[in-house]
């Protein structure tokens, strides 16, 4: 079994490439993300929902284009593409959107994998569809696949000290559009408290 801290370590060491985080239950996904953000304290991130919706797809296109240096005449700030290009991307695939988003993403394997890389968050039940619709990305991911549903709550003291019950607003917006029930702040606080590393 893997841990979210192992995923964070892989992301921190490689600083490029595409990782995949599978999930079944939103509670498991939230806990994995909390550990991930606690462990990635020195890596700026940017999260986005990827769906078949035209607005979401346009936002995703704009994000990807920040790594292929296309002019941005219609953006308010010239610095936004530069800052987004150097952030680690978390792309949440909306349920059953792989048939619409997968083929489109498949052609952008290179910018997705450029430093510092990207994490695709995909529901376990949709992963087969994603692999069929984005075969280039699926083959490129290789062994960088983690499953939030089987992750064990084991982490270092340093990561535990940084754990909170809150995720960045961009993550919360994406999670609200995914199926399932989010754990309460009280449930997360209890989980953090109960999984404190044991004293030597």
N, C-alpha and C. Protein backbone atom coordinates (compact mmCIF):
# COMPACT_ATOMS: atom_id res chain seq x y z
N UNK A 1 0.83 -1.19 0.00
CA UNK A 1 0.00 0.00 0.00
C UNK A 1 0.88 1.26 0.00
N UNK A 2 0.38 2.28 -0.66
CA UNK A 2 1.12 3.53 -0.74
C UNK A 2 0.56 4.54 0.26
N UNK A 3 1.26 5.64 0.40
CA UNK A 3 0.78 6.73 1.24
C UNK A 3 0.79 8.02 0.42
N UNK A 4 0.02 9.00 0.86
CA UNK A 4 0.00 10.29 0.18
C UNK A 4 1.35 10.98 0.29
N UNK A 5 2.07 10.69 1.37
CA UNK A 5 3.40 11.28 1.53
C UNK A 5 4.37 10.71 0.49
N UNK A 6 4.21 9.44 0.12
CA UNK A 6 5.04 8.86 -0.93
C UNK A 6 4.75 9.54 -2.28
N UNK A 7 3.48 9.84 -2.53
CA UNK A 7 3.11 10.57 -3.74
C UNK A 7 3.77 11.95 -3.73
N UNK A 8 3.71 12.64 -2.61
CA UNK A 8 4.33 13.96 -2.49
C UNK A 8 5.83 13.88 -2.72
N UNK A 9 6.46 12.82 -2.19
CA UNK A 9 7.90 12.65 -2.36
C UNK A 9 8.24 12.45 -3.83
N UNK A 10 7.45 11.64 -4.53
CA UNK A 10 7.68 11.40 -5.95
C UNK A 10 7.56 12.69 -6.75
N UNK A 11 6.53 13.48 -6.44
CA UNK A 11 6.33 14.76 -7.13
C UNK A 11 7.49 15.70 -6.84
N UNK A 12 7.92 15.76 -5.59
CA UNK A 12 9.00 16.68 -5.20
C UNK A 12 10.33 16.32 -5.82
N UNK A 13 10.60 15.01 -5.93
CA UNK A 13 11.87 14.56 -6.46
C UNK A 13 11.92 14.72 -7.98
N UNK A 14 10.85 14.31 -8.65
CA UNK A 14 10.86 14.33 -10.11
C UNK A 14 10.69 15.75 -10.67
N UNK A 15 9.79 16.51 -10.07
CA UNK A 15 9.53 17.88 -10.52
C UNK A 15 9.19 17.95 -12.01
N UNK A 16 8.62 16.90 -12.53
CA UNK A 16 8.14 16.87 -13.91
C UNK A 16 7.31 15.61 -14.07
N UNK A 17 6.69 15.42 -15.23
CA UNK A 17 5.93 14.21 -15.48
C UNK A 17 4.47 14.33 -15.05
N UNK A 18 3.73 13.27 -15.29
CA UNK A 18 2.30 13.23 -14.98
C UNK A 18 2.04 12.11 -13.98
N UNK A 19 1.43 12.46 -12.86
CA UNK A 19 1.01 11.49 -11.86
C UNK A 19 -0.51 11.36 -11.91
N UNK A 20 -1.02 10.25 -11.44
CA UNK A 20 -2.47 10.03 -11.38
C UNK A 20 -2.86 9.64 -9.96
N UNK A 21 -3.92 10.28 -9.46
CA UNK A 21 -4.48 9.92 -8.16
C UNK A 21 -5.91 9.44 -8.38
N UNK A 22 -6.14 8.15 -8.15
CA UNK A 22 -7.47 7.56 -8.29
C UNK A 22 -8.22 7.67 -6.96
N UNK A 23 -9.54 7.68 -7.03
CA UNK A 23 -10.33 7.75 -5.81
C UNK A 23 -11.71 7.14 -6.04
N UNK A 24 -12.32 6.67 -4.95
CA UNK A 24 -13.69 6.17 -4.96
C UNK A 24 -14.57 6.98 -4.02
N UNK A 25 -14.02 7.28 -2.85
CA UNK A 25 -14.76 7.98 -1.80
C UNK A 25 -14.15 9.37 -1.60
N UNK A 26 -15.02 10.39 -1.50
CA UNK A 26 -14.50 11.75 -1.34
C UNK A 26 -13.72 11.93 -0.05
N UNK A 27 -14.10 11.21 0.99
CA UNK A 27 -13.37 11.30 2.25
C UNK A 27 -11.92 10.87 2.08
N UNK A 28 -11.72 9.75 1.38
CA UNK A 28 -10.36 9.27 1.11
C UNK A 28 -9.59 10.28 0.26
N UNK A 29 -10.25 10.85 -0.73
CA UNK A 29 -9.61 11.81 -1.61
C UNK A 29 -9.19 13.06 -0.83
N UNK A 30 -10.07 13.57 0.00
CA UNK A 30 -9.76 14.77 0.79
C UNK A 30 -8.58 14.52 1.72
N UNK A 31 -8.57 13.38 2.39
CA UNK A 31 -7.47 13.07 3.30
C UNK A 31 -6.14 12.96 2.55
N UNK A 32 -6.18 12.33 1.38
CA UNK A 32 -4.95 12.22 0.58
C UNK A 32 -4.46 13.60 0.15
N UNK A 33 -5.38 14.48 -0.23
CA UNK A 33 -5.00 15.82 -0.65
C UNK A 33 -4.47 16.65 0.51
N UNK A 34 -5.05 16.48 1.69
CA UNK A 34 -4.55 17.20 2.86
C UNK A 34 -3.10 16.83 3.16
N UNK A 35 -2.79 15.54 3.09
CA UNK A 35 -1.42 15.10 3.34
C UNK A 35 -0.51 15.61 2.22
N UNK A 36 -0.99 15.54 0.99
CA UNK A 36 -0.20 15.99 -0.14
C UNK A 36 0.20 17.46 0.02
N UNK A 37 -0.76 18.30 0.39
CA UNK A 37 -0.46 19.73 0.54
C UNK A 37 0.39 20.00 1.78
N UNK A 38 0.24 19.19 2.79
CA UNK A 38 1.09 19.35 3.98
C UNK A 38 2.54 19.00 3.66
N UNK A 39 2.74 18.06 2.75
CA UNK A 39 4.09 17.61 2.40
C UNK A 39 4.73 18.45 1.29
N UNK A 40 3.90 19.09 0.47
CA UNK A 40 4.42 19.90 -0.64
C UNK A 40 4.45 21.39 -0.27
N UNK A 41 5.07 21.69 0.83
CA UNK A 41 5.04 23.07 1.34
C UNK A 41 5.82 24.04 0.46
N UNK A 42 6.77 23.55 -0.32
CA UNK A 42 7.61 24.45 -1.12
C UNK A 42 7.28 24.42 -2.61
N UNK A 43 6.13 23.85 -2.97
CA UNK A 43 5.78 23.73 -4.39
C UNK A 43 4.45 24.42 -4.67
N UNK A 44 4.47 25.58 -5.33
CA UNK A 44 3.21 26.27 -5.68
C UNK A 44 2.36 25.40 -6.59
N UNK A 45 1.05 25.42 -6.38
CA UNK A 45 0.15 24.58 -7.16
C UNK A 45 -0.97 25.41 -7.79
N UNK A 46 -1.63 24.80 -8.76
CA UNK A 46 -2.82 25.40 -9.37
C UNK A 46 -3.77 24.26 -9.69
N UNK A 47 -5.02 24.39 -9.26
CA UNK A 47 -6.01 23.34 -9.47
C UNK A 47 -7.10 23.80 -10.43
N UNK A 48 -7.63 22.84 -11.19
CA UNK A 48 -8.66 23.16 -12.17
C UNK A 48 -9.53 21.93 -12.41
N UNK A 49 -10.82 22.16 -12.61
CA UNK A 49 -11.74 21.09 -12.96
C UNK A 49 -11.72 20.91 -14.47
N UNK A 50 -11.56 19.67 -14.93
CA UNK A 50 -11.59 19.35 -16.35
C UNK A 50 -12.88 18.60 -16.66
N UNK A 51 -13.73 19.21 -17.44
CA UNK A 51 -15.00 18.59 -17.79
C UNK A 51 -15.30 18.85 -19.26
N UNK A 52 -16.41 18.31 -19.74
CA UNK A 52 -16.81 18.54 -21.12
C UNK A 52 -17.42 19.90 -21.33
N UNK A 53 -17.65 20.64 -20.26
CA UNK A 53 -18.23 21.98 -20.36
C UNK A 53 -17.28 22.91 -21.12
N UNK A 54 -17.84 23.73 -22.01
CA UNK A 54 -17.02 24.60 -22.83
C UNK A 54 -16.20 25.59 -22.00
N UNK A 55 -16.78 26.10 -20.92
CA UNK A 55 -16.08 27.07 -20.08
C UNK A 55 -14.89 26.40 -19.39
N UNK A 56 -15.11 25.20 -18.84
CA UNK A 56 -14.02 24.48 -18.19
C UNK A 56 -12.93 24.10 -19.19
N UNK A 57 -13.35 23.70 -20.38
CA UNK A 57 -12.38 23.29 -21.39
C UNK A 57 -11.55 24.48 -21.87
N UNK A 58 -12.19 25.64 -21.96
CA UNK A 58 -11.46 26.84 -22.36
C UNK A 58 -10.45 27.24 -21.29
N UNK A 59 -10.85 27.12 -20.01
CA UNK A 59 -9.92 27.41 -18.91
C UNK A 59 -8.74 26.45 -18.94
N UNK A 60 -9.01 25.18 -19.23
CA UNK A 60 -7.96 24.17 -19.31
C UNK A 60 -7.02 24.46 -20.48
N UNK A 61 -7.59 24.86 -21.62
CA UNK A 61 -6.77 25.20 -22.78
C UNK A 61 -5.83 26.35 -22.45
N UNK A 62 -6.37 27.38 -21.81
CA UNK A 62 -5.55 28.54 -21.45
C UNK A 62 -4.41 28.13 -20.51
N UNK A 63 -4.73 27.24 -19.57
CA UNK A 63 -3.71 26.78 -18.62
C UNK A 63 -2.60 26.03 -19.36
N UNK A 64 -2.97 25.10 -20.21
CA UNK A 64 -1.98 24.29 -20.93
C UNK A 64 -1.12 25.18 -21.83
N UNK A 65 -1.73 26.18 -22.42
CA UNK A 65 -0.99 27.05 -23.33
C UNK A 65 0.07 27.88 -22.61
N UNK A 66 -0.02 27.99 -21.29
CA UNK A 66 1.03 28.72 -20.57
C UNK A 66 2.37 28.00 -20.66
N UNK A 67 2.34 26.69 -20.95
CA UNK A 67 3.59 25.94 -21.08
C UNK A 67 4.02 25.74 -22.53
N UNK A 68 3.27 26.30 -23.47
CA UNK A 68 3.70 26.21 -24.87
C UNK A 68 3.88 27.60 -25.46
N UNK A 69 3.91 28.60 -24.59
CA UNK A 69 4.30 29.96 -24.96
C UNK A 69 3.49 30.53 -26.12
N UNK A 70 2.17 30.48 -25.99
CA UNK A 70 1.28 31.12 -26.96
C UNK A 70 0.95 32.51 -26.44
N UNK A 71 0.91 33.55 -27.29
CA UNK A 71 0.61 34.92 -26.81
C UNK A 71 -0.75 34.99 -26.13
N UNK A 72 -0.84 35.86 -25.13
CA UNK A 72 -2.06 36.00 -24.33
C UNK A 72 -2.55 37.44 -24.42
N UNK A 73 -3.18 37.77 -25.51
CA UNK A 73 -3.67 39.14 -25.69
C UNK A 73 -4.92 39.43 -24.89
N UNK A 74 -5.66 38.37 -24.52
CA UNK A 74 -6.95 38.58 -23.88
C UNK A 74 -6.91 38.39 -22.36
N UNK A 75 -5.71 38.24 -21.79
CA UNK A 75 -5.62 38.11 -20.34
C UNK A 75 -5.32 39.46 -19.71
N UNK A 76 -5.82 39.66 -18.51
CA UNK A 76 -5.65 40.94 -17.84
C UNK A 76 -4.21 41.20 -17.46
N UNK A 77 -3.51 40.16 -17.05
CA UNK A 77 -2.14 40.33 -16.56
C UNK A 77 -1.18 39.49 -17.38
N UNK A 78 -0.09 40.09 -17.80
CA UNK A 78 0.93 39.35 -18.54
C UNK A 78 1.67 38.37 -17.65
N UNK A 79 1.58 38.55 -16.33
CA UNK A 79 2.34 37.71 -15.42
C UNK A 79 1.59 36.43 -15.07
N UNK A 80 0.29 36.40 -15.28
CA UNK A 80 -0.47 35.21 -14.90
C UNK A 80 0.00 33.96 -15.62
N UNK A 81 0.17 33.98 -16.97
CA UNK A 81 0.65 32.76 -17.63
C UNK A 81 2.00 32.30 -17.11
N UNK A 82 2.90 33.23 -16.83
CA UNK A 82 4.23 32.87 -16.34
C UNK A 82 4.13 32.16 -14.99
N UNK A 83 3.31 32.72 -14.09
CA UNK A 83 3.19 32.12 -12.77
C UNK A 83 2.51 30.75 -12.84
N UNK A 84 1.51 30.61 -13.69
CA UNK A 84 0.82 29.33 -13.81
C UNK A 84 1.72 28.27 -14.45
N UNK A 85 2.55 28.69 -15.35
CA UNK A 85 3.45 27.75 -16.04
C UNK A 85 4.38 27.06 -15.06
N UNK A 86 4.78 27.75 -14.02
CA UNK A 86 5.73 27.20 -13.07
C UNK A 86 5.06 26.58 -11.84
N UNK A 87 3.77 26.43 -11.87
CA UNK A 87 3.06 25.79 -10.77
C UNK A 87 2.81 24.32 -11.08
N UNK A 88 2.68 23.52 -10.03
CA UNK A 88 2.31 22.11 -10.21
C UNK A 88 0.80 22.05 -10.38
N UNK A 89 0.34 21.44 -11.48
CA UNK A 89 -1.09 21.44 -11.79
C UNK A 89 -1.80 20.23 -11.22
N UNK A 90 -2.97 20.46 -10.63
CA UNK A 90 -3.88 19.39 -10.22
C UNK A 90 -5.13 19.52 -11.07
N UNK A 91 -5.35 18.54 -11.94
CA UNK A 91 -6.50 18.57 -12.83
C UNK A 91 -7.51 17.51 -12.39
N UNK A 92 -8.68 17.97 -11.96
CA UNK A 92 -9.73 17.08 -11.50
C UNK A 92 -10.64 16.75 -12.67
N UNK A 93 -10.70 15.48 -13.05
CA UNK A 93 -11.59 15.08 -14.13
C UNK A 93 -12.97 14.79 -13.58
N UNK A 94 -13.93 15.54 -14.07
CA UNK A 94 -15.30 15.35 -13.62
C UNK A 94 -15.78 13.96 -14.04
N UNK A 95 -16.68 13.42 -13.25
CA UNK A 95 -17.17 12.06 -13.52
C UNK A 95 -17.73 11.95 -14.94
N UNK A 96 -17.37 10.86 -15.62
CA UNK A 96 -17.86 10.54 -16.96
C UNK A 96 -17.49 11.59 -18.00
N UNK A 97 -16.40 12.33 -17.77
CA UNK A 97 -15.99 13.34 -18.75
C UNK A 97 -14.81 12.88 -19.59
N UNK A 98 -14.31 11.67 -19.33
CA UNK A 98 -13.12 11.19 -20.03
C UNK A 98 -13.32 11.12 -21.54
N UNK A 99 -14.53 10.77 -21.97
CA UNK A 99 -14.77 10.67 -23.41
C UNK A 99 -14.66 12.02 -24.10
N UNK A 100 -14.95 13.10 -23.35
CA UNK A 100 -14.86 14.45 -23.92
C UNK A 100 -13.50 15.08 -23.68
N UNK A 101 -12.94 14.88 -22.49
CA UNK A 101 -11.68 15.53 -22.12
C UNK A 101 -10.46 14.70 -22.51
N UNK A 102 -10.58 13.37 -22.41
CA UNK A 102 -9.44 12.50 -22.67
C UNK A 102 -8.77 12.71 -24.02
N UNK A 103 -9.53 12.65 -25.14
CA UNK A 103 -8.89 12.84 -26.45
C UNK A 103 -8.25 14.22 -26.59
N UNK A 104 -8.87 15.20 -25.98
CA UNK A 104 -8.34 16.56 -26.05
C UNK A 104 -7.03 16.68 -25.28
N UNK A 105 -7.00 16.09 -24.07
CA UNK A 105 -5.78 16.11 -23.26
C UNK A 105 -4.67 15.28 -23.88
N UNK A 106 -5.04 14.24 -24.60
CA UNK A 106 -4.07 13.30 -25.14
C UNK A 106 -3.03 13.99 -26.02
N UNK A 107 -3.45 15.04 -26.70
CA UNK A 107 -2.52 15.76 -27.56
C UNK A 107 -1.60 16.71 -26.83
N UNK A 108 -1.80 16.85 -25.51
CA UNK A 108 -1.01 17.82 -24.74
C UNK A 108 -0.15 17.14 -23.69
N UNK A 109 0.32 15.94 -24.00
CA UNK A 109 1.14 15.20 -23.05
C UNK A 109 2.40 15.97 -22.67
N UNK A 110 3.04 16.57 -23.65
CA UNK A 110 4.31 17.25 -23.38
C UNK A 110 4.15 18.44 -22.43
N UNK A 111 3.25 19.41 -22.71
CA UNK A 111 3.12 20.52 -21.75
C UNK A 111 2.64 20.07 -20.37
N UNK A 112 1.81 19.04 -20.31
CA UNK A 112 1.36 18.55 -19.01
C UNK A 112 2.53 17.99 -18.20
N UNK A 113 3.48 17.38 -18.88
CA UNK A 113 4.57 16.72 -18.18
C UNK A 113 5.77 17.63 -17.92
N UNK A 114 5.77 18.82 -18.50
CA UNK A 114 6.90 19.71 -18.30
C UNK A 114 6.99 20.17 -16.85
N UNK A 115 8.19 20.54 -16.39
CA UNK A 115 8.36 20.95 -14.99
C UNK A 115 7.41 22.06 -14.58
N UNK A 116 6.82 21.98 -13.39
CA UNK A 116 7.04 20.94 -12.37
C UNK A 116 6.08 19.75 -12.48
N UNK A 117 5.35 19.59 -13.59
CA UNK A 117 4.49 18.43 -13.78
C UNK A 117 3.03 18.67 -13.46
N UNK A 118 2.29 17.55 -13.42
CA UNK A 118 0.85 17.63 -13.20
C UNK A 118 0.35 16.37 -12.50
N UNK A 119 -0.77 16.52 -11.81
CA UNK A 119 -1.46 15.40 -11.17
C UNK A 119 -2.88 15.34 -11.70
N UNK A 120 -3.25 14.21 -12.29
CA UNK A 120 -4.62 14.01 -12.76
C UNK A 120 -5.39 13.26 -11.68
N UNK A 121 -6.49 13.85 -11.23
CA UNK A 121 -7.32 13.24 -10.20
C UNK A 121 -8.54 12.64 -10.90
N UNK A 122 -8.61 11.31 -10.90
CA UNK A 122 -9.62 10.61 -11.69
C UNK A 122 -10.36 9.61 -10.81
N UNK A 123 -11.67 9.57 -10.93
CA UNK A 123 -12.44 8.57 -10.18
C UNK A 123 -12.10 7.18 -10.72
N UNK A 124 -11.93 6.25 -9.80
CA UNK A 124 -11.49 4.90 -10.18
C UNK A 124 -12.37 4.30 -11.27
N UNK A 125 -13.68 4.49 -11.17
CA UNK A 125 -14.61 3.91 -12.14
C UNK A 125 -14.45 4.52 -13.53
N UNK A 126 -13.84 5.70 -13.63
CA UNK A 126 -13.66 6.37 -14.92
C UNK A 126 -12.28 6.14 -15.52
N UNK A 127 -11.40 5.47 -14.80
CA UNK A 127 -10.01 5.37 -15.25
C UNK A 127 -9.87 4.53 -16.51
N UNK A 128 -10.62 3.44 -16.63
CA UNK A 128 -10.55 2.62 -17.84
C UNK A 128 -10.94 3.45 -19.06
N UNK A 129 -11.99 4.26 -18.90
CA UNK A 129 -12.44 5.13 -19.99
C UNK A 129 -11.37 6.15 -20.32
N UNK A 130 -10.72 6.69 -19.29
CA UNK A 130 -9.65 7.66 -19.53
C UNK A 130 -8.49 7.01 -20.29
N UNK A 131 -8.13 5.80 -19.92
CA UNK A 131 -7.03 5.11 -20.61
C UNK A 131 -7.36 4.87 -22.08
N UNK A 132 -8.62 4.56 -22.37
CA UNK A 132 -9.02 4.35 -23.76
C UNK A 132 -9.02 5.65 -24.55
N UNK A 133 -9.43 6.73 -23.90
CA UNK A 133 -9.59 8.01 -24.60
C UNK A 133 -8.33 8.87 -24.59
N UNK A 134 -7.37 8.54 -23.73
CA UNK A 134 -6.10 9.26 -23.69
C UNK A 134 -4.96 8.26 -23.59
N UNK A 135 -4.78 7.42 -24.60
CA UNK A 135 -3.77 6.34 -24.52
C UNK A 135 -2.34 6.84 -24.39
N UNK A 136 -2.01 7.97 -25.03
CA UNK A 136 -0.64 8.48 -24.94
C UNK A 136 -0.30 8.90 -23.51
N UNK A 137 -1.23 9.60 -22.87
CA UNK A 137 -1.00 10.03 -21.49
C UNK A 137 -0.96 8.81 -20.57
N UNK A 138 -1.89 7.88 -20.77
CA UNK A 138 -1.95 6.70 -19.91
C UNK A 138 -0.65 5.90 -19.97
N UNK A 139 -0.08 5.76 -21.16
CA UNK A 139 1.17 5.01 -21.29
C UNK A 139 2.34 5.79 -20.71
N UNK A 140 2.28 7.12 -20.81
CA UNK A 140 3.36 7.96 -20.29
C UNK A 140 3.37 7.96 -18.76
N UNK A 141 2.20 7.86 -18.14
CA UNK A 141 2.11 7.87 -16.68
C UNK A 141 2.88 6.70 -16.08
N UNK A 142 2.76 5.54 -16.70
CA UNK A 142 3.50 4.36 -16.22
C UNK A 142 3.11 3.97 -14.81
N UNK A 143 4.09 3.93 -13.90
CA UNK A 143 3.84 3.47 -12.54
C UNK A 143 3.44 4.61 -11.60
N UNK A 144 3.31 5.82 -12.11
CA UNK A 144 2.97 6.96 -11.26
C UNK A 144 1.48 7.02 -10.96
N UNK A 145 0.90 5.91 -10.59
CA UNK A 145 -0.53 5.82 -10.29
C UNK A 145 -0.71 5.50 -8.81
N UNK A 146 -1.49 6.32 -8.13
CA UNK A 146 -1.75 6.14 -6.69
C UNK A 146 -3.26 6.07 -6.49
N UNK A 147 -3.66 5.35 -5.46
CA UNK A 147 -5.09 5.15 -5.19
C UNK A 147 -5.42 5.66 -3.79
N UNK A 148 -6.19 6.73 -3.73
CA UNK A 148 -6.54 7.32 -2.43
C UNK A 148 -7.34 6.35 -1.57
N UNK A 149 -8.07 5.44 -2.21
CA UNK A 149 -8.91 4.51 -1.47
C UNK A 149 -8.12 3.46 -0.69
N UNK A 150 -6.87 3.24 -1.08
CA UNK A 150 -6.06 2.23 -0.38
C UNK A 150 -4.88 2.86 0.36
N UNK A 151 -4.80 4.17 0.38
CA UNK A 151 -3.69 4.83 1.08
C UNK A 151 -3.85 4.68 2.58
N UNK A 152 -2.75 4.42 3.25
CA UNK A 152 -2.79 4.31 4.71
C UNK A 152 -2.38 5.65 5.32
N UNK A 153 -2.96 5.94 6.47
CA UNK A 153 -2.73 7.22 7.14
C UNK A 153 -1.46 7.17 7.99
N UNK A 154 -0.34 7.10 7.29
CA UNK A 154 0.97 7.10 7.95
C UNK A 154 1.79 8.21 7.33
N UNK A 155 2.35 9.07 8.17
CA UNK A 155 3.15 10.17 7.66
C UNK A 155 4.15 10.60 8.73
N UNK A 156 5.10 11.40 8.30
CA UNK A 156 6.17 11.84 9.20
C UNK A 156 5.65 12.90 10.17
N UNK A 157 6.44 13.16 11.19
CA UNK A 157 6.08 14.21 12.15
C UNK A 157 6.02 15.58 11.48
N UNK A 158 6.96 15.81 10.53
CA UNK A 158 6.99 17.09 9.84
C UNK A 158 5.72 17.32 9.03
N UNK A 159 5.26 16.28 8.34
CA UNK A 159 4.03 16.41 7.56
C UNK A 159 2.83 16.56 8.48
N UNK A 160 2.79 15.77 9.55
CA UNK A 160 1.67 15.86 10.49
C UNK A 160 1.58 17.25 11.11
N UNK A 161 2.72 17.86 11.38
CA UNK A 161 2.73 19.20 11.98
C UNK A 161 2.14 20.25 11.04
N UNK A 162 2.17 19.98 9.73
CA UNK A 162 1.63 20.91 8.74
C UNK A 162 0.19 20.60 8.33
N UNK A 163 -0.34 19.49 8.83
CA UNK A 163 -1.71 19.10 8.45
C UNK A 163 -2.75 20.06 9.02
N UNK A 164 -3.70 20.44 8.19
CA UNK A 164 -4.84 21.25 8.63
C UNK A 164 -6.10 20.60 8.08
N UNK A 165 -7.25 21.14 8.43
CA UNK A 165 -8.51 20.60 7.93
C UNK A 165 -8.99 21.35 6.69
N UNK A 166 -8.18 22.28 6.21
CA UNK A 166 -8.58 23.11 5.06
C UNK A 166 -7.73 22.84 3.84
N UNK A 167 -8.37 22.88 2.68
CA UNK A 167 -7.68 22.77 1.40
C UNK A 167 -7.77 24.13 0.69
N UNK A 168 -6.87 24.39 -0.26
CA UNK A 168 -6.96 25.64 -1.02
C UNK A 168 -8.32 25.79 -1.69
N UNK A 169 -8.76 27.02 -1.87
CA UNK A 169 -10.09 27.30 -2.41
C UNK A 169 -10.31 26.65 -3.77
N UNK A 170 -9.29 26.66 -4.63
CA UNK A 170 -9.42 26.04 -5.95
C UNK A 170 -9.77 24.56 -5.83
N UNK A 171 -9.17 23.89 -4.86
CA UNK A 171 -9.45 22.47 -4.65
C UNK A 171 -10.88 22.29 -4.17
N UNK A 172 -11.30 23.12 -3.23
CA UNK A 172 -12.66 23.01 -2.69
C UNK A 172 -13.71 23.23 -3.77
N UNK A 173 -13.46 24.16 -4.68
CA UNK A 173 -14.39 24.42 -5.79
C UNK A 173 -14.51 23.19 -6.68
N UNK A 174 -13.38 22.57 -6.98
CA UNK A 174 -13.39 21.37 -7.82
C UNK A 174 -14.10 20.22 -7.11
N UNK A 175 -13.82 20.04 -5.82
CA UNK A 175 -14.44 18.94 -5.07
C UNK A 175 -15.95 19.08 -4.99
N UNK A 176 -16.43 20.30 -4.91
CA UNK A 176 -17.88 20.53 -4.85
C UNK A 176 -18.59 20.04 -6.10
N UNK A 177 -17.87 19.93 -7.20
CA UNK A 177 -18.49 19.49 -8.46
C UNK A 177 -18.29 18.01 -8.72
N UNK A 178 -17.63 17.32 -7.79
CA UNK A 178 -17.45 15.88 -7.91
C UNK A 178 -18.50 15.15 -7.09
N UNK A 179 -18.83 13.92 -7.47
CA UNK A 179 -19.86 13.18 -6.72
C UNK A 179 -19.35 12.74 -5.36
N UNK A 180 -20.26 12.61 -4.42
CA UNK A 180 -19.89 12.14 -3.09
C UNK A 180 -20.07 13.20 -2.03
N UNK A 181 -19.82 12.79 -0.80
CA UNK A 181 -20.00 13.68 0.35
C UNK A 181 -18.65 14.02 0.96
N UNK A 182 -18.42 15.32 1.16
CA UNK A 182 -17.19 15.77 1.78
C UNK A 182 -17.21 15.50 3.28
N UNK A 183 -16.09 15.11 3.86
CA UNK A 183 -16.04 14.94 5.32
C UNK A 183 -16.13 16.29 6.01
N UNK A 184 -16.68 16.30 7.22
CA UNK A 184 -16.82 17.54 7.98
C UNK A 184 -15.47 17.96 8.56
N UNK A 185 -15.37 19.22 8.97
CA UNK A 185 -14.17 19.72 9.62
C UNK A 185 -13.88 18.92 10.90
N UNK A 186 -14.93 18.56 11.63
CA UNK A 186 -14.77 17.80 12.87
C UNK A 186 -14.20 16.41 12.58
N UNK A 187 -14.70 15.77 11.53
CA UNK A 187 -14.19 14.44 11.16
C UNK A 187 -12.72 14.50 10.76
N UNK A 188 -12.35 15.55 10.03
CA UNK A 188 -10.96 15.69 9.60
C UNK A 188 -10.05 15.99 10.79
N UNK A 189 -10.53 16.83 11.69
CA UNK A 189 -9.73 17.16 12.89
C UNK A 189 -9.51 15.91 13.73
N UNK A 190 -10.53 15.07 13.86
CA UNK A 190 -10.40 13.82 14.61
C UNK A 190 -9.39 12.90 13.93
N UNK A 191 -9.46 12.80 12.60
CA UNK A 191 -8.54 11.96 11.83
C UNK A 191 -7.09 12.42 12.02
N UNK A 192 -6.87 13.72 11.97
CA UNK A 192 -5.52 14.26 12.16
C UNK A 192 -5.01 13.95 13.56
N UNK A 193 -5.88 14.14 14.55
CA UNK A 193 -5.49 13.91 15.94
C UNK A 193 -5.20 12.43 16.19
N UNK A 194 -6.02 11.56 15.65
CA UNK A 194 -5.87 10.12 15.91
C UNK A 194 -4.70 9.49 15.16
N UNK A 195 -4.22 10.17 14.14
CA UNK A 195 -3.13 9.59 13.35
C UNK A 195 -1.79 10.31 13.56
N UNK A 196 -1.67 10.94 14.70
CA UNK A 196 -0.39 11.58 15.03
C UNK A 196 0.69 10.51 15.16
N UNK A 197 1.88 10.76 14.63
CA UNK A 197 2.97 9.77 14.76
C UNK A 197 3.28 9.50 16.23
N UNK A 198 3.56 8.26 16.52
CA UNK A 198 3.84 7.90 17.91
C UNK A 198 5.19 8.46 18.36
N UNK A 199 5.23 8.85 19.62
CA UNK A 199 6.49 9.33 20.20
C UNK A 199 7.44 8.15 20.40
N UNK A 200 8.74 8.36 20.18
CA UNK A 200 9.71 7.25 20.36
C UNK A 200 9.82 6.88 21.83
